[in-house]
Amino acid sequence: MKKLTSSNKTVRIFTTLVLLGLIILSSASCNDNSTNSTSDYSPSDDAVPEKNAIQPYSDNPNYWQYKEEPIMLIGGSNNDNLFQWTGDKLTNHLDSLVAAGGNYLRLVMSDDDDHDLGEVYAFGQRSNGKYNLNTWNPEYWNRLINFLDKTSDRDIIVQLTLWDGWDFGGDDGSDWSEHPYNPKNNTNYSTNNTRLPTTWKEPPWREDHPLFLTVPTLNNDIEVLKFQEAFISKLLSIALTYNNVLYNIENEASTPLEWSDYWAEFIHKEANATGKKIYVTSMRDNWDIRHQDHLHVLKNVNLYQFFDASQNTQMPRRHGEGAGHQIAYEHLLDLKTRIQQSGQRPVNIVKTYGAKNSSNGAPSDAGGLQSFWINIFGGVSAVRFHRPKQGLGISEIALKSIKSARMLSDSTDFFSMFPKPSLLGNRSQNEAYALANTGKQYAVYFTEGREITLDISAITADSIEVQWLNILTASWTDTELVFKSENTTGPIRKIADKLQDLLKISTSITLSPPDNGPWIALINPVNKDN
């Protein structure tokens, strides 16, 4: 037997330690799997945004800018795949939104609803009824072009969703039974050379459809994947020619992260090949936006340049109205803190759940309105009412809120304001929410007409102006002057003698809305010289 020398002992001990370290690192990597990117892709530095395209605001990347101006995205619609609509039905819908001050829509590339009312598939169909996935249905793509033309003409920003599991599963299974991707419905593949079934009823949150597992790191179902890639490439050949489009990989994604990462990388590469800079997210399904799936999107800025927090508006469903709204707000603040740590970027909420008898979000119209406004006062960059019956769409009450939100953003230096809950006193749960550019401008949203105090100690001006915005009527009250030392309720019932005011020191004012409905107080300092 060969004698082990001291030198050999040292080498073997060192080698053992190295291997042990690699095992530990590998184990740690597996344990943190949900936040590690499944892609090493990094967008090309050569792809720079066109100056007029939608992009994060240069002075505050928590918001968006479009045509070189900062914008707050505000919207609502009565359906998610409006590109399938034609004629006056579409035009009137868009015009109603714009007339109220709206500029933000959701577009899901869906084809699962209302085929009896004229919705169409993307693929060519043969005389025998089967689809050829190598050919296109021109009507489908012409409708997309028409929709993007009309939204671009109206300066409406479109958040385009590539994939939606609800198009292929759930309900009675008819969506998948009729779809061109189903092996029994096309001439391109069968159950023998793919992993796709001919029947599927499971909803996407319960089980992943094999159509969403085709990528190489999952099922590697190349026969299907090549047609999916061709579809996305065709979609991008149109969408990339417009400057008003943001991209979301999947609706309510519960699929493996590898699926989302694959398509995020795919569309970035396609965009870079044309010299186009795009902004991408993936809306994960978990209602808690602190979940590891959401943190994965948040962490991997190479693939995802903004965050969609729509599922956060489900909190009133889980915890009840009031408590659920408060929790949703606190989760938004936690998200904003994480974003400050990982790199500033916009947070969109393209689906605000909540309406009377809704099975998602708050089950009342008032609760849906509260979710919408809490999103705004939570500092999001984009907010939209979800379609009925899970949201308020562009109902009359929704249009008034859209108009009120635009009136607020137009009346403030909105993009310099941040959520400031610490400025509110005498506040109960879900009673009031504050935005402020401290010392310069304040806005307080009241869910109901109750009394709270607002810390104005940072204001150095002699007096302040208070104006109230009635959310339900989209109208302002007259402006009221309050000397800074006068601690009063609003509307102002008394203007004290200025000489006496000068002898007082006040660090807060008491605000009380004109009635019990939802109101916003706007507070501005007034200097002597004004």
Protein backbone atom coordinates (compact mmCIF):
# COMPACT_ATOMS: atom_id res chain seq x y z
CA MET A 1 0.00 0.00 0.00
CA LYS A 2 1.29 3.42 -0.95
CA LYS A 3 2.05 5.62 2.01
CA LEU A 4 0.04 8.85 2.23
CA THR A 5 2.47 11.75 2.52
CA SER A 6 1.78 15.05 4.27
CA SER A 7 1.65 16.76 0.89
CA ASN A 8 -0.94 14.33 -0.45
CA LYS A 9 -3.00 14.75 2.70
CA THR A 10 -3.09 18.50 2.14
CA VAL A 11 -4.20 18.12 -1.48
CA ARG A 12 -6.96 15.67 -0.57
CA ILE A 13 -8.21 17.81 2.30
CA PHE A 14 -8.28 20.86 0.03
CA THR A 15 -10.11 18.93 -2.69
CA THR A 16 -12.65 17.66 -0.19
CA LEU A 17 -13.32 21.17 1.10
CA VAL A 18 -13.79 22.48 -2.44
CA LEU A 19 -16.26 19.73 -3.29
CA LEU A 20 -18.10 20.28 -0.03
CA GLY A 21 -18.35 23.98 -0.83
CA LEU A 22 -19.74 23.23 -4.27
CA ILE A 23 -22.36 20.92 -2.76
CA ILE A 24 -23.40 23.59 -0.27
CA LEU A 25 -23.64 26.22 -3.01
CA SER A 26 -25.65 23.84 -5.18
CA SER A 27 -27.99 23.12 -2.30
CA ALA A 28 -28.45 26.83 -1.59
CA SER A 29 -29.17 27.42 -5.26
CA CYS A 30 -31.88 24.78 -5.22
CA ASN A 31 -33.43 26.24 -2.08
CA ASP A 32 -33.58 29.72 -3.67
CA ASN A 33 -34.73 28.34 -6.98
CA SER A 34 -37.78 30.55 -7.18
CA THR A 35 -35.86 33.80 -7.41
CA ASN A 36 -32.95 32.68 -9.60
CA SER A 37 -33.38 33.36 -13.29
CA THR A 38 -33.66 30.33 -15.53
CA SER A 39 -32.02 32.47 -18.21
CA ASP A 40 -28.64 34.19 -18.40
CA TYR A 41 -29.95 36.58 -21.03
CA SER A 42 -29.17 40.27 -20.78
CA PRO A 43 -30.88 42.75 -23.12
CA SER A 44 -28.53 44.38 -25.60
CA ASP A 45 -27.17 47.77 -24.68
CA ASP A 46 -27.72 48.69 -28.32
CA ALA A 47 -31.50 48.58 -27.89
CA VAL A 48 -32.40 52.05 -26.64
CA PRO A 49 -35.96 53.33 -26.32
CA GLU A 50 -37.31 55.61 -29.01
CA LYS A 51 -37.90 59.03 -27.51
CA ASN A 52 -41.66 58.93 -28.15
CA ALA A 53 -42.17 55.35 -26.98
CA ILE A 54 -43.63 54.25 -23.66
CA GLN A 55 -40.77 53.89 -21.14
CA PRO A 56 -39.98 54.57 -17.46
CA TYR A 57 -39.99 58.28 -16.64
CA SER A 58 -36.41 59.57 -16.70
CA ASP A 59 -36.87 61.74 -13.58
CA ASN A 60 -38.77 59.12 -11.57
CA PRO A 61 -38.64 55.54 -12.92
CA ASN A 62 -41.52 54.54 -10.64
CA TYR A 63 -43.78 56.07 -13.30
CA TRP A 64 -44.04 55.98 -17.09
CA GLN A 65 -43.40 58.56 -19.76
CA TYR A 66 -44.81 58.71 -23.29
CA LYS A 67 -43.87 61.11 -26.06
CA GLU A 68 -41.26 62.54 -23.65
CA GLU A 69 -43.85 63.50 -21.02
CA PRO A 70 -44.60 61.76 -17.70
CA ILE A 71 -48.02 60.10 -17.61
CA MET A 72 -50.24 58.35 -15.12
CA LEU A 73 -51.88 55.36 -16.80
CA ILE A 74 -55.57 55.13 -15.89
CA GLY A 75 -58.11 52.87 -17.54
CA GLY A 76 -60.96 50.42 -17.66
CA SER A 77 -62.75 48.28 -20.24
CA ASN A 78 -65.60 45.82 -20.50
CA ASN A 79 -63.50 43.08 -22.07
CA ASP A 80 -59.88 41.94 -22.18
CA ASN A 81 -59.53 41.09 -25.87
CA LEU A 82 -60.94 44.24 -27.43
CA PHE A 83 -58.97 43.64 -30.61
CA GLN A 84 -61.64 41.06 -31.49
CA TRP A 85 -64.22 43.87 -31.56
CA THR A 86 -64.84 45.71 -34.82
CA GLY A 87 -66.60 48.81 -36.11
CA ASP A 88 -68.45 51.21 -33.82
CA LYS A 89 -68.45 48.70 -30.97
CA LEU A 90 -64.70 49.15 -30.56
CA THR A 91 -64.52 52.83 -31.50
CA ASN A 92 -67.27 53.88 -29.10
CA HIS A 93 -65.65 51.94 -26.28
CA LEU A 94 -62.29 53.61 -26.82
CA ASP A 95 -63.85 57.05 -27.15
CA SER A 96 -65.78 56.63 -23.89
CA LEU A 97 -62.55 55.82 -22.09
CA VAL A 98 -60.66 58.76 -23.59
CA ALA A 99 -63.49 61.20 -22.87
CA ALA A 100 -63.18 60.33 -19.19
CA GLY A 101 -59.41 60.87 -19.21
CA GLY A 102 -58.46 57.22 -19.62
CA ASN A 103 -55.32 56.13 -21.47
CA TYR A 104 -54.65 52.52 -20.45
CA LEU A 105 -56.03 49.18 -21.68
CA ARG A 106 -55.42 45.50 -21.25
CA LEU A 107 -55.10 43.35 -24.37
CA VAL A 108 -55.06 39.56 -24.03
CA MET A 109 -54.50 37.65 -27.28
CA SER A 110 -57.54 35.54 -26.47
CA ASP A 111 -59.89 33.77 -28.83
CA ASP A 112 -61.88 31.64 -26.40
CA ASP A 113 -65.07 33.69 -26.03
CA ASP A 114 -68.10 34.40 -28.17
CA HIS A 115 -67.17 32.63 -31.39
CA ASP A 116 -70.85 32.72 -32.21
CA LEU A 117 -70.55 36.53 -32.01
CA GLY A 118 -67.66 36.75 -34.45
CA GLU A 119 -64.41 36.11 -32.57
CA VAL A 120 -61.79 34.44 -34.74
CA TYR A 121 -58.69 32.26 -34.39
CA ALA A 122 -55.22 33.20 -35.62
CA PHE A 123 -54.76 30.19 -37.91
CA GLY A 124 -55.98 29.24 -41.35
CA GLN A 125 -58.78 26.67 -41.53
CA ARG A 126 -59.22 24.06 -44.25
CA SER A 127 -62.46 23.06 -45.90
CA ASN A 128 -62.58 19.93 -43.75
CA GLY A 129 -62.69 22.10 -40.61
CA LYS A 130 -59.17 21.37 -39.46
CA TYR A 131 -56.59 24.12 -38.95
CA ASN A 132 -53.18 24.39 -40.58
CA LEU A 133 -50.86 26.02 -38.05
CA ASN A 134 -48.47 26.95 -40.85
CA THR A 135 -51.01 29.39 -42.26
CA TRP A 136 -52.63 32.49 -40.80
CA ASN A 137 -56.14 33.83 -40.70
CA PRO A 138 -55.71 37.38 -42.06
CA GLU A 139 -58.84 38.58 -40.25
CA TYR A 140 -57.29 37.88 -36.84
CA TRP A 141 -54.18 39.92 -37.56
CA ASN A 142 -56.06 42.70 -39.35
CA ARG A 143 -58.17 43.12 -36.22
CA LEU A 144 -55.01 43.43 -34.14
CA ILE A 145 -53.62 46.08 -36.50
CA ASN A 146 -56.93 47.94 -36.39
CA PHE A 147 -56.94 47.90 -32.59
CA LEU A 148 -53.34 49.09 -32.27
CA ASP A 149 -53.94 51.80 -34.87
CA LYS A 150 -56.95 53.14 -32.98
CA THR A 151 -55.30 53.03 -29.55
CA SER A 152 -52.12 54.62 -30.87
CA ASP A 153 -54.14 57.41 -32.51
CA ARG A 154 -55.78 58.08 -29.12
CA ASP A 155 -52.54 57.87 -27.10
CA ILE A 156 -53.83 54.83 -25.21
CA ILE A 157 -51.13 52.59 -23.73
CA VAL A 158 -51.77 48.89 -24.29
CA GLN A 159 -50.53 46.18 -21.92
CA LEU A 160 -50.42 43.14 -24.19
CA THR A 161 -50.60 39.65 -22.67
CA LEU A 162 -49.13 36.85 -24.78
CA TRP A 163 -50.64 33.80 -23.06
CA ASP A 164 -53.68 33.09 -20.90
CA GLY A 165 -54.25 29.64 -19.42
CA TRP A 166 -57.99 30.30 -19.27
CA ASP A 167 -58.07 30.14 -23.09
CA PHE A 168 -57.25 26.44 -22.93
CA GLY A 169 -58.69 25.05 -19.69
CA GLY A 170 -61.35 25.32 -17.04
CA ASP A 171 -65.13 25.46 -17.27
CA ASP A 172 -66.53 22.55 -19.31
CA GLY A 173 -63.40 21.94 -21.40
CA SER A 174 -64.93 23.42 -24.54
CA ASP A 175 -62.20 26.06 -24.97
CA TRP A 176 -59.53 23.39 -25.45
CA SER A 177 -61.85 21.05 -27.29
CA GLU A 178 -62.36 23.63 -30.05
CA HIS A 179 -58.91 25.25 -30.15
CA PRO A 180 -56.56 24.92 -33.14
CA TYR A 181 -53.67 23.86 -30.86
CA ASN A 182 -55.63 20.75 -29.88
CA PRO A 183 -54.08 17.80 -31.77
CA LYS A 184 -57.49 16.62 -33.00
CA ASN A 185 -58.16 20.01 -34.63
CA ASN A 186 -55.05 20.56 -36.77
CA THR A 187 -53.13 18.83 -39.54
CA ASN A 188 -49.69 19.47 -38.07
CA TYR A 189 -49.25 17.07 -35.16
CA SER A 190 -51.05 14.41 -33.15
CA THR A 191 -51.05 12.87 -29.69
CA ASN A 192 -48.42 10.43 -31.00
CA ASN A 193 -45.66 13.01 -31.48
CA THR A 194 -46.61 15.60 -28.84
CA ARG A 195 -47.58 15.56 -25.18
CA LEU A 196 -50.82 17.41 -25.78
CA PRO A 197 -54.11 15.76 -24.83
CA THR A 198 -57.35 16.05 -26.79
CA THR A 199 -59.41 16.82 -23.67
CA TRP A 200 -58.62 19.20 -20.82
CA LYS A 201 -60.93 20.64 -18.18
CA GLU A 202 -58.56 21.60 -15.38
CA PRO A 203 -58.36 25.33 -14.58
CA PRO A 204 -54.85 26.78 -14.88
CA TRP A 205 -54.43 27.33 -11.15
CA ARG A 206 -55.06 23.66 -10.43
CA GLU A 207 -52.82 21.97 -12.99
CA ASP A 208 -50.47 23.16 -15.71
CA HIS A 209 -51.73 22.53 -19.21
CA PRO A 210 -49.07 20.68 -21.28
CA LEU A 211 -49.32 23.51 -23.81
CA PHE A 212 -47.57 25.64 -21.15
CA LEU A 213 -44.77 23.13 -20.59
CA THR A 214 -43.38 22.91 -24.12
CA VAL A 215 -40.13 24.82 -23.59
CA PRO A 216 -36.77 22.97 -23.60
CA THR A 217 -36.22 23.10 -19.82
CA LEU A 218 -39.65 21.50 -19.20
CA ASN A 219 -41.27 18.99 -21.61
CA ASN A 220 -39.18 20.05 -24.61
CA ASP A 221 -42.18 19.48 -26.87
CA ILE A 222 -40.53 20.80 -30.02
CA GLU A 223 -43.37 19.85 -32.38
CA VAL A 224 -45.68 22.25 -30.57
CA LEU A 225 -43.13 24.86 -29.51
CA LYS A 226 -42.18 25.72 -33.08
CA PHE A 227 -45.76 26.76 -33.78
CA GLN A 228 -45.96 28.75 -30.56
CA GLU A 229 -42.76 30.57 -31.49
CA ALA A 230 -44.13 31.29 -34.95
CA PHE A 231 -47.29 32.75 -33.40
CA ILE A 232 -45.34 35.05 -31.06
CA SER A 233 -43.00 36.11 -33.88
CA LYS A 234 -45.99 37.00 -36.04
CA LEU A 235 -47.52 38.92 -33.15
CA LEU A 236 -44.29 40.85 -32.55
CA SER A 237 -43.88 41.64 -36.25
CA ILE A 238 -46.97 43.79 -35.78
CA ALA A 239 -46.77 44.99 -32.17
CA LEU A 240 -43.13 46.11 -32.38
CA THR A 241 -44.06 48.71 -34.98
CA TYR A 242 -46.05 50.61 -32.34
CA ASN A 243 -44.71 52.77 -29.50
CA ASN A 244 -47.68 52.38 -27.14
CA VAL A 245 -47.28 48.70 -26.18
CA LEU A 246 -46.08 47.09 -22.95
CA TYR A 247 -45.66 43.32 -22.72
CA ASN A 248 -46.91 40.77 -20.19
CA ILE A 249 -45.96 37.12 -20.65
CA GLU A 250 -48.94 35.40 -19.05
CA ASN A 251 -52.17 36.11 -17.23
CA GLU A 252 -52.31 34.81 -13.64
CA ALA A 253 -49.32 32.58 -14.25
CA SER A 254 -49.04 29.53 -12.03
CA THR A 255 -46.91 27.74 -14.61
CA PRO A 256 -43.23 26.96 -13.89
CA LEU A 257 -41.01 30.02 -13.91
CA GLU A 258 -39.05 28.47 -16.76
CA TRP A 259 -42.05 29.06 -19.02
CA SER A 260 -42.24 32.79 -18.30
CA ASP A 261 -38.48 33.24 -18.49
CA TYR A 262 -38.30 31.46 -21.83
CA TRP A 263 -40.83 33.77 -23.46
CA ALA A 264 -39.42 36.90 -21.83
CA GLU A 265 -36.04 36.07 -23.31
CA PHE A 266 -37.62 35.16 -26.65
CA ILE A 267 -39.45 38.47 -27.11
CA HIS A 268 -36.46 40.51 -25.91
CA LYS A 269 -34.28 38.84 -28.54
CA GLU A 270 -36.89 39.40 -31.24
CA ALA A 271 -37.20 43.05 -30.25
CA ASN A 272 -33.45 43.60 -30.09
CA ALA A 273 -33.08 42.13 -33.56
CA THR A 274 -35.19 45.04 -34.80
CA GLY A 275 -33.43 47.59 -32.58
CA LYS A 276 -36.54 47.99 -30.42
CA LYS A 277 -36.45 48.46 -26.65
CA ILE A 278 -39.41 46.81 -24.93
CA TYR A 279 -40.62 46.55 -21.33
CA VAL A 280 -41.79 43.21 -20.04
CA THR A 281 -43.43 41.68 -16.97
CA SER A 282 -45.12 38.41 -16.02
CA MET A 283 -48.26 38.54 -13.90
CA ARG A 284 -47.94 35.67 -11.40
CA ASP A 285 -51.08 34.18 -9.92
CA ASN A 286 -50.41 34.06 -6.19
CA TRP A 287 -52.57 36.64 -4.39
CA ASP A 288 -49.75 37.52 -2.01
CA ILE A 289 -47.28 39.69 -3.94
CA ARG A 290 -44.61 38.80 -1.38
CA HIS A 291 -44.66 35.21 -2.69
CA GLN A 292 -41.47 33.77 -4.21
CA ASP A 293 -42.98 33.73 -7.71
CA HIS A 294 -43.47 37.49 -7.57
CA LEU A 295 -40.02 37.99 -6.06
CA HIS A 296 -38.58 36.08 -9.00
CA VAL A 297 -40.05 38.66 -11.39
CA LEU A 298 -38.90 41.46 -9.13
CA LYS A 299 -35.34 40.17 -8.87
CA ASN A 300 -34.69 39.34 -12.52
CA VAL A 301 -34.55 42.81 -14.04
CA ASN A 302 -32.73 41.47 -17.11
CA LEU A 303 -35.99 39.84 -18.17
CA TYR A 304 -38.66 41.90 -16.39
CA GLN A 305 -38.51 45.70 -16.42
CA PHE A 306 -41.79 46.43 -14.65
CA PHE A 307 -44.03 44.66 -12.16
CA ASP A 308 -47.73 43.82 -12.33
CA ALA A 309 -49.43 43.65 -8.91
CA SER A 310 -52.99 42.94 -10.10
CA GLN A 311 -53.47 39.90 -7.89
CA ASN A 312 -52.91 42.09 -4.84
CA THR A 313 -56.42 43.45 -5.34
CA GLN A 314 -57.73 39.99 -4.40
CA MET A 315 -56.98 40.73 -0.72
CA PRO A 316 -60.52 42.01 0.08
CA ARG A 317 -61.80 38.65 -1.16
CA ARG A 318 -59.50 36.75 1.18
CA HIS A 319 -59.68 38.99 4.26
CA GLY A 320 -62.96 40.86 3.78
CA GLU A 321 -63.49 44.49 2.82
CA GLY A 322 -61.77 47.00 5.04
CA ALA A 323 -59.20 44.62 6.47
CA GLY A 324 -58.41 43.28 3.01
CA HIS A 325 -58.03 46.78 1.59
CA GLN A 326 -55.66 47.72 4.39
CA ILE A 327 -53.59 44.56 3.82
CA ALA A 328 -53.45 45.23 0.07
CA TYR A 329 -52.12 48.73 0.78
CA GLU A 330 -49.49 47.43 3.20
CA HIS A 331 -48.37 44.84 0.67
CA LEU A 332 -47.98 47.60 -1.92
CA LEU A 333 -45.79 49.58 0.47
CA ASP A 334 -43.70 46.46 1.10
CA LEU A 335 -43.38 46.00 -2.66
CA LYS A 336 -42.28 49.62 -3.13
CA THR A 337 -39.60 49.12 -0.46
CA ARG A 338 -38.31 46.02 -2.25
CA ILE A 339 -38.24 47.92 -5.54
CA GLN A 340 -36.16 50.68 -3.99
CA GLN A 341 -33.66 47.98 -3.02
CA SER A 342 -33.61 46.09 -6.33
CA GLY A 343 -33.89 49.01 -8.75
CA GLN A 344 -36.70 51.49 -9.34
CA ARG A 345 -39.29 50.54 -11.91
CA PRO A 346 -43.00 51.04 -12.58
CA VAL A 347 -45.70 48.97 -10.85
CA ASN A 348 -48.84 48.39 -12.93
CA ILE A 349 -52.22 47.04 -11.87
CA VAL A 350 -53.94 46.17 -15.12
CA LYS A 351 -56.76 44.36 -13.29
CA THR A 352 -58.45 46.04 -10.32
CA TYR A 353 -60.89 43.43 -9.08
CA GLY A 354 -64.08 44.27 -7.24
CA ALA A 355 -67.74 44.84 -8.10
CA LYS A 356 -71.17 43.88 -6.85
CA ASN A 357 -71.39 40.07 -6.63
CA SER A 358 -67.83 39.67 -7.95
CA SER A 359 -66.17 36.37 -7.06
CA ASN A 360 -62.78 38.09 -7.17
CA GLY A 361 -61.66 41.04 -5.06
CA ALA A 362 -64.18 43.09 -3.12
CA PRO A 363 -67.79 41.85 -3.63
CA SER A 364 -69.28 45.38 -3.88
CA ASP A 365 -69.04 48.39 -6.18
CA ALA A 366 -67.85 50.56 -3.29
CA GLY A 367 -65.16 48.00 -2.51
CA GLY A 368 -64.03 47.96 -6.13
CA LEU A 369 -63.72 51.75 -6.07
CA GLN A 370 -61.70 51.59 -2.86
CA SER A 371 -59.28 49.10 -4.42
CA PHE A 372 -58.80 51.39 -7.43
CA TRP A 373 -58.01 54.44 -5.30
CA ILE A 374 -55.84 52.55 -2.81
CA ASN A 375 -53.75 51.44 -5.79
CA ILE A 376 -53.24 55.08 -6.78
CA PHE A 377 -52.44 56.17 -3.23
CA GLY A 378 -50.14 53.17 -2.92
CA GLY A 379 -47.94 54.76 -5.57
CA VAL A 380 -48.61 52.55 -8.60
CA SER A 381 -47.84 53.81 -12.08
CA ALA A 382 -50.85 52.34 -13.86
CA VAL A 383 -54.32 51.26 -12.74
CA ARG A 384 -57.30 49.85 -14.64
CA PHE A 385 -60.76 48.62 -13.69
CA HIS A 386 -61.08 44.94 -14.59
CA ARG A 387 -63.93 43.83 -16.87
CA PRO A 388 -67.38 43.03 -15.46
CA LYS A 389 -68.44 41.02 -13.59
CA GLN A 390 -65.12 40.75 -11.79
CA GLY A 391 -64.57 44.50 -11.98
CA LEU A 392 -66.31 47.77 -12.78
CA GLY A 393 -65.12 48.04 -16.40
CA ILE A 394 -66.25 51.37 -17.84
CA SER A 395 -69.52 51.55 -15.96
CA GLU A 396 -70.71 55.03 -15.04
CA ILE A 397 -69.22 54.79 -11.56
CA ALA A 398 -65.90 53.64 -13.02
CA LEU A 399 -65.79 56.44 -15.60
CA LYS A 400 -66.36 59.02 -12.83
CA SER A 401 -63.40 57.59 -10.91
CA ILE A 402 -61.24 57.56 -14.04
CA LYS A 403 -62.13 61.21 -14.63
CA SER A 404 -61.48 62.07 -10.97
CA ALA A 405 -58.09 60.34 -11.08
CA ARG A 406 -57.12 62.34 -14.16
CA MET A 407 -58.30 65.56 -12.50
CA LEU A 408 -56.12 64.76 -9.50
CA SER A 409 -53.03 63.93 -11.54
CA ASP A 410 -53.48 67.06 -13.66
CA SER A 411 -53.81 69.24 -10.55
CA THR A 412 -50.69 68.00 -8.79
CA ASP A 413 -47.02 67.44 -9.30
CA PHE A 414 -48.08 63.82 -9.20
CA PHE A 415 -44.76 62.30 -10.18
CA SER A 416 -42.99 63.86 -7.18
CA MET A 417 -45.47 62.49 -4.65
CA PHE A 418 -45.08 59.29 -2.62
CA PRO A 419 -47.27 57.28 -0.22
CA LYS A 420 -46.98 58.86 3.25
CA PRO A 421 -49.10 56.95 5.78
CA SER A 422 -47.05 58.32 8.68
CA LEU A 423 -48.46 61.82 8.09
CA LEU A 424 -51.99 60.74 9.07
CA GLY A 425 -53.24 60.81 12.64
CA ASN A 426 -56.46 59.74 14.34
CA ARG A 427 -56.84 57.21 11.53
CA SER A 428 -58.72 53.93 11.72
CA GLN A 429 -58.16 50.90 9.50
CA ASN A 430 -58.83 51.63 5.82
CA GLU A 431 -60.10 55.12 6.63
CA ALA A 432 -57.72 57.41 4.75
CA TYR A 433 -54.55 57.29 2.62
CA ALA A 434 -52.01 60.01 1.85
CA LEU A 435 -49.70 60.98 -0.99
CA ALA A 436 -47.26 63.81 -0.47
CA ASN A 437 -44.31 65.74 -1.72
CA THR A 438 -43.63 66.66 1.87
CA GLY A 439 -43.71 70.37 2.55
CA LYS A 440 -44.92 71.13 -0.97
CA GLN A 441 -48.14 69.28 -1.74
CA TYR A 442 -50.44 66.74 -0.09
CA ALA A 443 -53.41 64.62 -1.17
CA VAL A 444 -55.57 62.57 1.19
CA TYR A 445 -58.07 59.97 0.02
CA PHE A 446 -61.00 59.25 2.32
CA THR A 447 -62.82 55.96 1.80
CA GLU A 448 -65.70 57.41 3.85
CA GLY A 449 -66.38 60.82 5.36
CA ARG A 450 -64.53 60.66 8.65
CA GLU A 451 -62.16 62.99 10.45
CA ILE A 452 -58.36 62.59 10.47
CA THR A 453 -55.36 64.82 11.14
CA LEU A 454 -52.61 65.59 8.64
CA ASP A 455 -49.08 66.49 9.68
CA ILE A 456 -48.13 69.73 7.89
CA SER A 457 -45.12 70.58 10.04
CA ALA A 458 -42.87 70.60 6.96
CA ILE A 459 -44.85 73.46 5.39
CA THR A 460 -43.09 76.79 5.89
CA ALA A 461 -45.69 78.93 4.11
CA ASP A 462 -48.02 81.29 5.99
CA SER A 463 -51.18 79.46 5.02
CA ILE A 464 -52.55 76.57 3.01
CA GLU A 465 -55.30 76.01 0.48
CA VAL A 466 -57.64 73.05 0.78
CA GLN A 467 -59.78 71.83 -2.08
CA TRP A 468 -62.02 68.78 -2.12
CA LEU A 469 -62.56 66.39 -5.05
CA ASN A 470 -65.85 64.52 -5.09
CA ILE A 471 -64.97 61.14 -6.60
CA LEU A 472 -68.56 60.14 -7.36
CA THR A 473 -69.31 63.30 -9.37
CA ALA A 474 -65.77 64.11 -10.59
CA SER A 475 -66.06 67.71 -9.39
CA TRP A 476 -64.00 70.09 -7.24
CA THR A 477 -65.30 72.24 -4.43
CA ASP A 478 -64.21 75.85 -4.13
CA THR A 479 -60.73 76.39 -2.76
CA GLU A 480 -60.61 77.28 0.94
CA LEU A 481 -57.85 79.27 2.62
CA VAL A 482 -56.56 78.11 5.99
CA PHE A 483 -53.85 79.84 7.99
CA LYS A 484 -51.27 77.24 8.87
CA SER A 485 -51.74 77.77 12.59
CA GLU A 486 -55.50 77.30 12.39
CA ASN A 487 -56.26 73.68 13.27
CA THR A 488 -59.63 73.28 11.64
CA THR A 489 -61.89 70.82 9.94
CA GLY A 490 -62.89 71.07 6.33
CA PRO A 491 -64.81 72.47 4.73
CA ILE A 492 -63.46 75.54 6.48
CA ARG A 493 -66.00 76.82 9.00
CA LYS A 494 -63.93 79.68 10.33
CA ILE A 495 -60.98 81.81 9.30
CA ALA A 496 -59.45 83.07 12.52
CA ASP A 497 -58.06 86.53 12.94
CA LYS A 498 -54.63 86.55 11.30
CA LEU A 499 -53.03 88.46 14.18
CA GLN A 500 -54.05 85.70 16.57
CA ASP A 501 -52.82 83.08 14.13
CA LEU A 502 -49.35 84.54 14.17
CA LEU A 503 -49.16 83.81 17.89
CA LYS A 504 -50.01 80.14 17.42
CA ILE A 505 -47.89 77.19 16.34
CA SER A 506 -49.63 74.31 14.59
CA THR A 507 -48.07 71.20 13.11
CA SER A 508 -51.24 69.55 11.82
CA ILE A 509 -54.69 70.25 10.51
CA THR A 510 -57.87 68.28 10.95
CA LEU A 511 -59.62 67.25 7.75
CA SER A 512 -63.24 66.20 7.54
CA PRO A 513 -64.88 65.57 4.13
CA PRO A 514 -68.08 67.40 3.19
CA ASP A 515 -70.17 64.22 3.45
CA ASN A 516 -69.88 60.47 3.99
CA GLY A 517 -68.93 59.56 0.44
CA PRO A 518 -65.43 59.01 -0.96
CA TRP A 519 -63.46 62.28 -1.21
CA ILE A 520 -59.95 63.54 -1.84
CA ALA A 521 -58.47 66.56 -0.09
CA LEU A 522 -55.77 68.46 -1.97
CA ILE A 523 -53.57 70.66 0.22
CA ASN A 524 -51.18 73.27 -1.15
CA PRO A 525 -49.01 75.82 0.71
CA VAL A 526 -49.65 79.50 0.00
CA ASN A 527 -46.81 81.97 0.42
CA LYS A 528 -47.21 85.61 1.44
CA ASP A 529 -46.23 86.82 -1.99
CA ASN A 530 -48.97 84.80 -3.71
